[in-house]
N, C-alpha and C. Protein backbone atom coordinates (compact mmCIF):
# COMPACT_ATOMS: atom_id res chain seq x y z
N UNK A 1 -25.78 81.26 19.28
CA UNK A 1 -25.78 79.96 18.58
C UNK A 1 -25.72 78.80 19.58
N UNK A 2 -24.90 78.97 20.63
CA UNK A 2 -24.78 77.92 21.64
C UNK A 2 -26.11 77.74 22.37
N UNK A 3 -26.78 78.86 22.68
CA UNK A 3 -28.08 78.79 23.35
C UNK A 3 -29.09 78.05 22.48
N UNK A 4 -29.07 78.34 21.19
CA UNK A 4 -29.98 77.69 20.25
C UNK A 4 -29.73 76.19 20.20
N UNK A 5 -28.45 75.81 20.20
CA UNK A 5 -28.09 74.39 20.17
C UNK A 5 -28.59 73.69 21.43
N UNK A 6 -28.39 74.32 22.61
CA UNK A 6 -28.84 73.74 23.87
C UNK A 6 -30.35 73.61 23.90
N UNK A 7 -31.03 74.63 23.38
CA UNK A 7 -32.50 74.61 23.32
C UNK A 7 -32.96 73.46 22.42
N UNK A 8 -32.24 73.26 21.33
CA UNK A 8 -32.57 72.19 20.39
C UNK A 8 -32.36 70.82 21.02
N UNK A 9 -31.27 70.66 21.76
CA UNK A 9 -30.99 69.38 22.42
C UNK A 9 -32.07 69.07 23.45
N UNK A 10 -32.43 70.06 24.26
CA UNK A 10 -33.48 69.85 25.28
C UNK A 10 -34.82 69.54 24.61
N UNK A 11 -35.11 70.24 23.50
CA UNK A 11 -36.35 69.97 22.77
C UNK A 11 -36.35 68.57 22.18
N UNK A 12 -35.18 68.14 21.69
CA UNK A 12 -35.05 66.80 21.10
C UNK A 12 -35.28 65.71 22.15
N UNK A 13 -34.77 65.93 23.36
CA UNK A 13 -34.95 64.95 24.43
C UNK A 13 -36.43 64.82 24.80
N UNK A 14 -37.11 65.97 24.92
CA UNK A 14 -38.55 65.95 25.25
C UNK A 14 -39.35 65.26 24.14
N UNK A 15 -39.01 65.61 22.88
CA UNK A 15 -39.71 65.00 21.75
C UNK A 15 -39.47 63.50 21.72
N UNK A 16 -38.21 63.09 21.98
CA UNK A 16 -37.89 61.66 21.98
C UNK A 16 -38.65 60.92 23.08
N UNK A 17 -38.75 61.52 24.27
CA UNK A 17 -39.49 60.88 25.37
C UNK A 17 -40.94 60.64 24.97
N UNK A 18 -41.54 61.63 24.30
CA UNK A 18 -42.94 61.48 23.87
C UNK A 18 -43.07 60.40 22.80
N UNK A 19 -42.14 60.41 21.84
CA UNK A 19 -42.18 59.40 20.77
C UNK A 19 -41.93 58.00 21.33
N UNK A 20 -40.95 57.91 22.24
CA UNK A 20 -40.57 56.62 22.81
C UNK A 20 -41.69 56.00 23.63
N UNK A 21 -42.49 56.85 24.28
CA UNK A 21 -43.63 56.36 25.07
C UNK A 21 -44.65 55.65 24.17
N UNK A 22 -44.68 56.03 22.89
CA UNK A 22 -45.64 55.44 21.96
C UNK A 22 -45.04 54.32 21.12
N UNK A 23 -43.73 54.40 20.87
CA UNK A 23 -43.10 53.44 19.97
C UNK A 23 -41.67 53.15 20.43
N UNK A 24 -41.43 51.94 20.92
CA UNK A 24 -40.13 51.60 21.50
C UNK A 24 -39.02 51.45 20.46
N UNK A 25 -39.33 51.58 19.17
CA UNK A 25 -38.28 51.40 18.15
C UNK A 25 -37.66 52.73 17.71
N UNK A 26 -38.18 53.85 18.18
CA UNK A 26 -37.63 55.14 17.76
C UNK A 26 -36.26 55.38 18.40
N UNK A 27 -35.50 56.30 17.82
CA UNK A 27 -34.18 56.66 18.35
C UNK A 27 -34.18 58.13 18.73
N UNK A 28 -33.20 58.57 19.54
CA UNK A 28 -33.12 59.99 19.89
C UNK A 28 -33.06 60.90 18.66
N UNK A 29 -32.48 60.40 17.56
CA UNK A 29 -32.40 61.23 16.35
C UNK A 29 -33.80 61.58 15.82
N UNK A 30 -34.76 60.67 16.00
CA UNK A 30 -36.14 60.97 15.60
C UNK A 30 -36.67 62.17 16.39
N UNK A 31 -36.30 62.23 17.67
CA UNK A 31 -36.70 63.37 18.50
C UNK A 31 -36.04 64.65 18.03
N UNK A 32 -34.79 64.53 17.55
CA UNK A 32 -34.07 65.71 17.06
C UNK A 32 -34.76 66.26 15.80
N UNK A 33 -35.18 65.37 14.91
CA UNK A 33 -35.87 65.79 13.68
C UNK A 33 -37.14 66.56 14.03
N UNK A 34 -37.89 66.02 15.00
CA UNK A 34 -39.12 66.70 15.44
C UNK A 34 -38.80 68.07 16.02
N UNK A 35 -37.77 68.12 16.88
CA UNK A 35 -37.41 69.38 17.54
C UNK A 35 -36.95 70.42 16.51
N UNK A 36 -36.23 69.98 15.51
CA UNK A 36 -35.74 70.92 14.48
C UNK A 36 -36.92 71.52 13.70
N UNK A 37 -37.93 70.69 13.45
CA UNK A 37 -39.12 71.20 12.75
C UNK A 37 -39.91 72.13 13.67
N UNK A 38 -40.06 71.73 14.92
CA UNK A 38 -40.86 72.50 15.88
C UNK A 38 -40.22 73.84 16.23
N UNK A 39 -38.90 73.85 16.40
CA UNK A 39 -38.21 75.07 16.83
C UNK A 39 -37.67 75.91 15.67
N UNK A 40 -37.91 75.46 14.45
CA UNK A 40 -37.44 76.22 13.31
C UNK A 40 -35.93 76.39 13.33
N UNK A 41 -35.21 75.27 13.49
CA UNK A 41 -33.75 75.32 13.60
C UNK A 41 -33.12 75.80 12.29
N UNK A 42 -32.00 76.52 12.39
CA UNK A 42 -31.31 76.98 11.18
C UNK A 42 -30.71 75.80 10.41
N UNK A 43 -30.31 76.04 9.19
CA UNK A 43 -29.67 74.99 8.39
C UNK A 43 -28.31 74.66 8.98
N UNK A 44 -28.06 73.36 9.18
CA UNK A 44 -26.78 72.92 9.72
C UNK A 44 -26.00 72.19 8.64
N UNK A 45 -24.68 72.27 8.71
CA UNK A 45 -23.85 71.46 7.82
C UNK A 45 -23.98 70.01 8.28
N UNK A 46 -23.49 69.07 7.46
CA UNK A 46 -23.54 67.65 7.81
C UNK A 46 -22.80 67.41 9.13
N UNK A 47 -21.62 68.02 9.28
CA UNK A 47 -20.80 67.83 10.48
C UNK A 47 -21.51 68.38 11.73
N UNK A 48 -22.16 69.55 11.57
CA UNK A 48 -22.88 70.16 12.70
C UNK A 48 -24.07 69.30 13.11
N UNK A 49 -24.76 68.75 12.10
CA UNK A 49 -25.91 67.89 12.39
C UNK A 49 -25.45 66.62 13.10
N UNK A 50 -24.36 66.01 12.61
CA UNK A 50 -23.83 64.79 13.25
C UNK A 50 -23.44 65.07 14.69
N UNK A 51 -22.88 66.25 14.94
CA UNK A 51 -22.51 66.64 16.30
C UNK A 51 -23.75 66.75 17.19
N UNK A 52 -24.83 67.30 16.63
CA UNK A 52 -26.09 67.40 17.37
C UNK A 52 -26.65 66.02 17.69
N UNK A 53 -26.62 65.13 16.69
CA UNK A 53 -27.11 63.76 16.88
C UNK A 53 -26.34 63.10 18.03
N UNK A 54 -25.01 63.24 18.00
CA UNK A 54 -24.18 62.66 19.06
C UNK A 54 -24.56 63.22 20.43
N UNK A 55 -24.75 64.54 20.51
CA UNK A 55 -25.11 65.18 21.78
C UNK A 55 -26.44 64.67 22.32
N UNK A 56 -27.42 64.54 21.42
CA UNK A 56 -28.75 64.06 21.83
C UNK A 56 -28.68 62.60 22.24
N UNK A 57 -27.96 61.78 21.46
CA UNK A 57 -27.80 60.36 21.81
C UNK A 57 -27.18 60.21 23.20
N UNK A 58 -26.10 60.96 23.44
CA UNK A 58 -25.39 60.90 24.72
C UNK A 58 -26.31 61.32 25.87
N UNK A 59 -27.05 62.41 25.67
CA UNK A 59 -27.95 62.92 26.71
C UNK A 59 -29.02 61.89 27.05
N UNK A 60 -29.58 61.24 26.02
CA UNK A 60 -30.63 60.24 26.25
C UNK A 60 -30.08 58.99 26.94
N UNK A 61 -28.84 58.61 26.59
CA UNK A 61 -28.20 57.49 27.27
C UNK A 61 -27.99 57.80 28.74
N UNK A 62 -27.46 59.00 29.01
CA UNK A 62 -27.17 59.40 30.39
C UNK A 62 -28.44 59.49 31.22
N UNK A 63 -29.54 59.90 30.60
CA UNK A 63 -30.81 60.00 31.31
C UNK A 63 -31.51 58.64 31.44
N UNK A 64 -30.96 57.64 30.75
CA UNK A 64 -31.53 56.30 30.83
C UNK A 64 -32.85 56.15 30.09
N UNK A 65 -33.07 56.97 29.04
CA UNK A 65 -34.36 56.90 28.34
C UNK A 65 -34.21 56.36 26.92
N UNK A 66 -33.02 55.88 26.56
CA UNK A 66 -32.87 55.30 25.23
C UNK A 66 -33.33 53.86 25.28
N UNK A 67 -34.06 53.43 24.27
CA UNK A 67 -34.59 52.06 24.25
C UNK A 67 -33.44 51.06 24.29
N UNK A 68 -33.68 49.95 24.95
CA UNK A 68 -32.66 48.91 25.04
C UNK A 68 -32.56 48.17 23.72
N UNK A 69 -31.39 47.65 23.46
CA UNK A 69 -31.18 46.89 22.23
C UNK A 69 -31.86 45.53 22.37
N UNK A 70 -32.02 44.80 21.26
CA UNK A 70 -32.61 43.46 21.34
C UNK A 70 -31.79 42.50 22.19
N UNK A 71 -32.34 41.33 22.47
CA UNK A 71 -31.67 40.36 23.34
C UNK A 71 -30.30 39.92 22.81
N UNK A 72 -30.12 39.99 21.49
CA UNK A 72 -28.83 39.56 20.93
C UNK A 72 -27.86 40.74 20.80
N UNK A 73 -28.04 41.76 21.64
CA UNK A 73 -27.17 42.94 21.62
C UNK A 73 -25.72 42.51 21.83
N UNK A 74 -24.79 43.08 21.06
CA UNK A 74 -23.40 42.64 21.17
C UNK A 74 -22.67 43.12 22.43
N UNK A 75 -23.24 44.13 23.14
CA UNK A 75 -22.58 44.66 24.34
C UNK A 75 -23.58 44.76 25.49
N UNK A 76 -23.04 44.85 26.70
CA UNK A 76 -23.87 45.02 27.90
C UNK A 76 -23.39 46.23 28.68
N UNK A 77 -24.32 46.91 29.31
CA UNK A 77 -23.99 48.11 30.09
C UNK A 77 -24.56 47.98 31.50
N UNK A 78 -23.75 48.38 32.49
CA UNK A 78 -24.18 48.37 33.89
C UNK A 78 -23.94 49.76 34.48
N UNK A 79 -25.00 50.46 34.90
CA UNK A 79 -24.80 51.79 35.49
C UNK A 79 -23.98 51.69 36.77
N UNK A 80 -23.15 52.68 37.02
CA UNK A 80 -22.27 52.65 38.19
C UNK A 80 -23.09 52.59 39.48
N UNK A 81 -24.27 53.20 39.50
CA UNK A 81 -25.11 53.20 40.70
C UNK A 81 -25.57 51.79 41.08
N UNK A 82 -25.76 50.94 40.07
CA UNK A 82 -26.20 49.56 40.34
C UNK A 82 -25.11 48.80 41.08
N UNK A 83 -23.86 48.96 40.62
CA UNK A 83 -22.74 48.28 41.29
C UNK A 83 -22.53 48.87 42.68
N UNK A 84 -22.61 50.18 42.82
CA UNK A 84 -22.43 50.83 44.12
C UNK A 84 -23.46 50.33 45.13
N UNK A 85 -24.67 50.05 44.64
CA UNK A 85 -25.76 49.61 45.53
C UNK A 85 -25.46 48.25 46.16
N UNK A 86 -24.59 47.45 45.51
CA UNK A 86 -24.24 46.13 46.08
C UNK A 86 -22.77 46.12 46.53
N UNK A 87 -22.23 47.30 46.78
CA UNK A 87 -20.89 47.46 47.35
C UNK A 87 -19.79 46.80 46.52
N UNK A 88 -19.87 46.97 45.20
CA UNK A 88 -18.79 46.48 44.35
C UNK A 88 -18.78 45.00 44.11
N UNK A 89 -19.89 44.32 44.33
CA UNK A 89 -19.96 42.87 44.12
C UNK A 89 -20.54 42.61 42.73
N UNK A 90 -19.67 42.35 41.75
CA UNK A 90 -20.13 42.12 40.38
C UNK A 90 -21.04 40.89 40.29
N UNK A 91 -20.80 39.90 41.13
CA UNK A 91 -21.62 38.69 41.04
C UNK A 91 -23.09 38.99 41.36
N UNK A 92 -23.32 40.00 42.21
CA UNK A 92 -24.70 40.38 42.57
C UNK A 92 -25.37 41.17 41.45
N UNK A 93 -24.58 41.56 40.45
CA UNK A 93 -25.12 42.36 39.34
C UNK A 93 -25.50 41.53 38.12
N UNK A 94 -25.17 40.23 38.14
CA UNK A 94 -25.55 39.41 36.99
C UNK A 94 -27.08 39.44 36.86
N UNK A 95 -27.56 39.62 35.68
CA UNK A 95 -29.00 39.75 35.47
C UNK A 95 -29.44 41.20 35.43
N UNK A 96 -28.54 42.11 35.85
CA UNK A 96 -28.89 43.54 35.85
C UNK A 96 -28.17 44.31 34.74
N UNK A 97 -27.30 43.62 34.01
CA UNK A 97 -26.65 44.24 32.86
C UNK A 97 -27.70 44.38 31.76
N UNK A 98 -27.69 45.51 31.04
CA UNK A 98 -28.65 45.77 29.97
C UNK A 98 -27.95 45.72 28.62
N UNK A 99 -28.58 45.03 27.67
CA UNK A 99 -28.01 44.94 26.34
C UNK A 99 -28.00 46.28 25.63
N UNK A 100 -26.90 46.62 24.98
CA UNK A 100 -26.85 47.85 24.19
C UNK A 100 -26.34 47.51 22.79
N UNK A 101 -26.75 48.31 21.83
CA UNK A 101 -26.36 48.08 20.44
C UNK A 101 -24.95 48.61 20.20
N UNK A 102 -24.43 48.32 19.01
CA UNK A 102 -23.09 48.80 18.67
C UNK A 102 -23.06 50.33 18.58
N UNK A 103 -24.16 50.92 18.11
CA UNK A 103 -24.18 52.39 18.00
C UNK A 103 -24.20 53.03 19.39
N UNK A 104 -24.91 52.43 20.34
CA UNK A 104 -24.91 52.94 21.72
C UNK A 104 -23.51 52.80 22.33
N UNK A 105 -22.88 51.67 22.08
CA UNK A 105 -21.52 51.41 22.55
C UNK A 105 -20.56 52.49 22.03
N UNK A 106 -20.71 52.82 20.74
CA UNK A 106 -19.84 53.83 20.14
C UNK A 106 -20.08 55.22 20.72
N UNK A 107 -21.34 55.51 21.08
CA UNK A 107 -21.64 56.80 21.72
C UNK A 107 -20.91 56.89 23.07
N UNK A 108 -20.95 55.80 23.84
CA UNK A 108 -20.24 55.77 25.13
C UNK A 108 -18.75 56.02 24.91
N UNK A 109 -18.16 55.36 23.91
CA UNK A 109 -16.72 55.49 23.67
C UNK A 109 -16.36 56.90 23.23
N UNK A 110 -17.20 57.50 22.38
CA UNK A 110 -16.93 58.85 21.91
C UNK A 110 -16.98 59.83 23.08
N UNK A 111 -17.94 59.62 23.99
CA UNK A 111 -18.03 60.47 25.18
C UNK A 111 -16.80 60.26 26.07
N UNK A 112 -16.32 59.02 26.11
CA UNK A 112 -15.15 58.68 26.93
C UNK A 112 -13.90 59.42 26.45
N UNK A 113 -13.80 59.66 25.14
CA UNK A 113 -12.63 60.37 24.57
C UNK A 113 -12.45 61.73 25.23
N UNK A 114 -13.57 62.41 25.51
CA UNK A 114 -13.51 63.74 26.12
C UNK A 114 -12.96 63.67 27.54
N UNK A 115 -13.26 62.55 28.23
CA UNK A 115 -12.85 62.41 29.63
C UNK A 115 -11.36 62.07 29.72
N UNK A 116 -10.92 61.10 28.93
CA UNK A 116 -9.53 60.66 29.02
C UNK A 116 -8.58 61.53 28.20
N UNK A 117 -9.17 62.44 27.37
CA UNK A 117 -8.38 63.38 26.56
C UNK A 117 -7.36 62.66 25.68
N UNK A 118 -7.82 61.62 25.00
CA UNK A 118 -6.99 60.90 24.04
C UNK A 118 -7.66 60.99 22.67
N UNK A 119 -6.91 60.80 21.59
CA UNK A 119 -7.55 60.80 20.27
C UNK A 119 -8.61 59.71 20.19
N UNK A 120 -9.71 60.02 19.50
CA UNK A 120 -10.83 59.08 19.42
C UNK A 120 -10.42 57.72 18.90
N UNK A 121 -9.57 57.70 17.85
CA UNK A 121 -9.19 56.40 17.27
C UNK A 121 -8.40 55.55 18.27
N UNK A 122 -7.60 56.19 19.15
CA UNK A 122 -6.84 55.44 20.16
C UNK A 122 -7.78 54.82 21.19
N UNK A 123 -8.74 55.63 21.66
CA UNK A 123 -9.68 55.15 22.68
C UNK A 123 -10.50 54.00 22.13
N UNK A 124 -11.02 54.16 20.91
CA UNK A 124 -11.87 53.12 20.32
C UNK A 124 -11.07 51.84 20.08
N UNK A 125 -9.82 51.97 19.58
CA UNK A 125 -8.98 50.79 19.34
C UNK A 125 -8.70 50.05 20.65
N UNK A 126 -8.28 50.80 21.70
CA UNK A 126 -7.99 50.18 22.99
C UNK A 126 -9.23 49.53 23.59
N UNK A 127 -10.37 50.22 23.50
CA UNK A 127 -11.62 49.69 24.06
C UNK A 127 -12.03 48.41 23.34
N UNK A 128 -11.90 48.40 22.02
CA UNK A 128 -12.28 47.20 21.26
C UNK A 128 -11.36 46.02 21.58
N UNK A 129 -10.08 46.30 21.80
CA UNK A 129 -9.14 45.23 22.17
C UNK A 129 -9.52 44.64 23.53
N UNK A 130 -9.87 45.52 24.48
CA UNK A 130 -10.24 45.05 25.83
C UNK A 130 -11.54 44.26 25.83
N UNK A 131 -12.57 44.79 25.14
CA UNK A 131 -13.85 44.07 25.13
C UNK A 131 -13.72 42.74 24.39
N UNK A 132 -12.91 42.71 23.32
CA UNK A 132 -12.70 41.46 22.57
C UNK A 132 -12.03 40.41 23.47
N UNK A 133 -11.21 40.88 24.41
CA UNK A 133 -10.53 39.96 25.33
C UNK A 133 -11.40 39.60 26.54
N UNK A 134 -12.65 40.08 26.52
CA UNK A 134 -13.59 39.74 27.60
C UNK A 134 -13.52 40.66 28.80
N UNK A 135 -12.71 41.72 28.73
CA UNK A 135 -12.56 42.64 29.86
C UNK A 135 -13.76 43.58 29.99
N UNK A 136 -13.89 44.18 31.15
CA UNK A 136 -14.94 45.17 31.40
C UNK A 136 -14.35 46.57 31.25
N UNK A 137 -15.02 47.41 30.47
CA UNK A 137 -14.58 48.80 30.34
C UNK A 137 -15.22 49.62 31.45
N UNK A 138 -14.42 50.40 32.13
CA UNK A 138 -14.95 51.30 33.15
C UNK A 138 -15.04 52.69 32.54
N UNK A 139 -16.24 53.24 32.50
CA UNK A 139 -16.44 54.60 32.00
C UNK A 139 -17.04 55.41 33.15
N UNK A 140 -17.02 56.73 33.08
CA UNK A 140 -17.47 57.54 34.24
C UNK A 140 -18.87 57.22 34.76
N UNK A 141 -19.75 56.75 33.87
CA UNK A 141 -21.13 56.51 34.33
C UNK A 141 -21.49 55.03 34.44
N UNK A 142 -20.52 54.14 34.27
CA UNK A 142 -20.84 52.73 34.40
C UNK A 142 -19.79 51.81 33.81
N UNK A 143 -20.23 50.64 33.37
CA UNK A 143 -19.34 49.60 32.88
C UNK A 143 -19.92 48.98 31.61
N UNK A 144 -19.04 48.61 30.69
CA UNK A 144 -19.46 47.97 29.44
C UNK A 144 -18.63 46.72 29.23
N UNK A 145 -19.26 45.67 28.72
CA UNK A 145 -18.52 44.46 28.34
C UNK A 145 -19.20 43.83 27.12
N UNK A 146 -18.47 42.96 26.45
CA UNK A 146 -19.03 42.25 25.31
C UNK A 146 -19.96 41.15 25.84
N UNK A 147 -21.07 40.97 25.17
CA UNK A 147 -22.02 39.93 25.57
C UNK A 147 -21.46 38.57 25.18
N UNK A 148 -21.25 37.69 26.16
CA UNK A 148 -20.78 36.32 25.87
C UNK A 148 -21.51 35.35 26.80
N UNK A 149 -21.42 34.07 26.46
CA UNK A 149 -22.01 33.03 27.31
C UNK A 149 -20.99 32.50 28.31
N UNK A 150 -19.79 33.05 28.29
CA UNK A 150 -18.74 32.59 29.21
C UNK A 150 -19.11 32.94 30.65
N UNK A 151 -18.59 32.13 31.58
CA UNK A 151 -18.77 32.41 33.01
C UNK A 151 -18.10 33.75 33.32
N UNK A 152 -18.69 34.52 34.23
CA UNK A 152 -18.17 35.86 34.54
C UNK A 152 -17.45 35.88 35.90
N UNK A 153 -16.40 36.66 35.98
CA UNK A 153 -15.63 36.79 37.22
C UNK A 153 -16.45 37.58 38.23
N UNK A 154 -16.67 37.03 39.44
CA UNK A 154 -17.46 37.75 40.45
C UNK A 154 -16.75 38.98 41.01
N UNK A 155 -15.43 39.07 40.80
CA UNK A 155 -14.68 40.22 41.34
C UNK A 155 -14.69 41.42 40.39
N UNK A 156 -14.54 41.15 39.08
CA UNK A 156 -14.42 42.28 38.14
C UNK A 156 -15.45 42.26 37.02
N UNK A 157 -16.27 41.20 36.94
CA UNK A 157 -17.30 41.14 35.92
C UNK A 157 -16.84 40.68 34.56
N UNK A 158 -15.53 40.45 34.37
CA UNK A 158 -14.99 40.05 33.07
C UNK A 158 -15.34 38.60 32.74
N UNK A 159 -15.31 38.27 31.45
CA UNK A 159 -15.54 36.89 31.02
C UNK A 159 -14.34 36.04 31.40
N UNK A 160 -14.62 34.82 31.86
CA UNK A 160 -13.54 33.90 32.23
C UNK A 160 -13.35 32.93 31.08
N UNK A 161 -12.21 33.04 30.39
CA UNK A 161 -11.89 32.11 29.31
C UNK A 161 -10.99 31.03 29.88
N UNK A 162 -11.22 29.77 29.48
CA UNK A 162 -10.42 28.67 30.01
C UNK A 162 -10.89 28.31 31.41
N UNK A 163 -9.95 27.89 32.24
CA UNK A 163 -10.33 27.42 33.58
C UNK A 163 -10.33 28.52 34.64
N UNK A 164 -9.73 29.67 34.35
CA UNK A 164 -9.68 30.75 35.33
C UNK A 164 -8.73 30.44 36.47
N UNK A 165 -9.02 30.99 37.64
CA UNK A 165 -8.17 30.78 38.82
C UNK A 165 -9.06 30.58 40.04
N UNK A 166 -8.51 29.90 41.05
CA UNK A 166 -9.24 29.69 42.30
C UNK A 166 -8.92 30.85 43.25
N UNK A 167 -9.95 31.48 43.78
CA UNK A 167 -9.72 32.61 44.68
C UNK A 167 -9.02 32.15 45.95
N UNK A 168 -8.04 32.93 46.39
CA UNK A 168 -7.32 32.62 47.62
C UNK A 168 -8.14 32.97 48.85
N UNK A 169 -9.22 33.73 48.64
CA UNK A 169 -10.04 34.16 49.78
C UNK A 169 -10.81 32.99 50.39
N UNK A 170 -11.43 32.14 49.51
CA UNK A 170 -12.20 31.03 50.06
C UNK A 170 -11.80 29.67 49.48
N UNK A 171 -10.81 29.67 48.56
CA UNK A 171 -10.33 28.43 47.93
C UNK A 171 -11.42 27.62 47.21
N UNK A 172 -12.50 28.30 46.78
CA UNK A 172 -13.52 27.57 46.01
C UNK A 172 -14.14 28.41 44.90
N UNK A 173 -14.09 29.73 45.01
CA UNK A 173 -14.68 30.59 43.98
C UNK A 173 -13.75 30.74 42.80
N UNK A 174 -14.29 30.49 41.60
CA UNK A 174 -13.50 30.64 40.37
C UNK A 174 -13.54 32.11 39.94
N UNK A 175 -12.36 32.69 39.76
CA UNK A 175 -12.25 34.09 39.32
C UNK A 175 -11.39 34.12 38.05
N UNK A 176 -11.30 35.28 37.40
CA UNK A 176 -10.50 35.35 36.17
C UNK A 176 -9.01 35.33 36.51
N UNK A 177 -8.20 35.06 35.51
CA UNK A 177 -6.74 34.96 35.72
C UNK A 177 -6.15 36.26 36.25
N UNK A 178 -6.62 37.40 35.73
CA UNK A 178 -6.09 38.69 36.18
C UNK A 178 -6.35 38.91 37.66
N UNK A 179 -7.59 38.61 38.10
CA UNK A 179 -7.92 38.79 39.52
C UNK A 179 -7.16 37.78 40.38
N UNK A 180 -6.92 36.58 39.83
CA UNK A 180 -6.13 35.58 40.53
C UNK A 180 -4.70 36.06 40.75
N UNK A 181 -4.13 36.68 39.71
CA UNK A 181 -2.78 37.24 39.81
C UNK A 181 -2.73 38.36 40.84
N UNK A 182 -3.77 39.22 40.82
CA UNK A 182 -3.83 40.33 41.78
C UNK A 182 -3.88 39.81 43.22
N UNK A 183 -4.70 38.78 43.46
CA UNK A 183 -4.78 38.19 44.81
C UNK A 183 -3.44 37.61 45.23
N UNK A 184 -2.75 36.95 44.30
CA UNK A 184 -1.46 36.34 44.62
C UNK A 184 -0.43 37.42 44.99
N UNK A 185 -0.43 38.52 44.23
CA UNK A 185 0.49 39.62 44.51
C UNK A 185 0.17 40.28 45.86
N UNK A 186 -1.13 40.40 46.15
CA UNK A 186 -1.52 40.98 47.45
C UNK A 186 -1.05 40.09 48.59
N UNK A 187 -1.18 38.77 48.42
CA UNK A 187 -0.70 37.81 49.43
C UNK A 187 0.81 37.92 49.60
N UNK A 188 1.50 38.00 48.45
CA UNK A 188 2.96 38.09 48.46
C UNK A 188 3.40 39.37 49.19
N UNK A 189 2.69 40.49 48.90
CA UNK A 189 3.00 41.76 49.56
C UNK A 189 2.78 41.69 51.05
N UNK A 190 1.75 40.95 51.47
CA UNK A 190 1.46 40.78 52.89
C UNK A 190 2.53 39.99 53.60
N UNK A 191 3.11 38.99 52.86
CA UNK A 191 4.17 38.17 53.44
C UNK A 191 5.43 38.99 53.72
N UNK A 192 5.72 39.94 52.81
CA UNK A 192 6.92 40.76 52.96
C UNK A 192 6.81 41.63 54.21
N UNK A 193 5.61 42.20 54.42
CA UNK A 193 5.43 43.07 55.59
C UNK A 193 5.47 42.25 56.86
């Protein structure tokens, strides 16, 4: 049964890639429907089918082949490799964040539950609180934040609400309050030593 499920997921990804090449509005689930017809998949319960949909969605997200959400997407995603390529400089990543829909955001969070080994409702509640506050979520394969027009912190990528803080490094760069506090504590720690 596990082999059949894996075969179905791989077939769904291939079918989705072919469909997506022709029509940018399709979803990975459309590929799953095609694969189920093509491979003669057994009857699944609603819960088993939903689990398959989640697996296919996650696989397509990880492979970077899921269509991007419209420009008014409520969330943004940045692959970890993009940030690594600029040595952790979030300011160099502005313009490289990709809009994702709420359903894509939820797929990322559901996958995150497996990594942090917390109940799904706890992870989703905490993540929603952080994104609502303008923070950046760090997940194993990248970063997610809420799409806003607010100025972004060059150190952590978070939205800067209010006036922010002046960086102690050059006394001219505006950073978020949290990063400002971190810099102050690092300075204070240096003074003690």
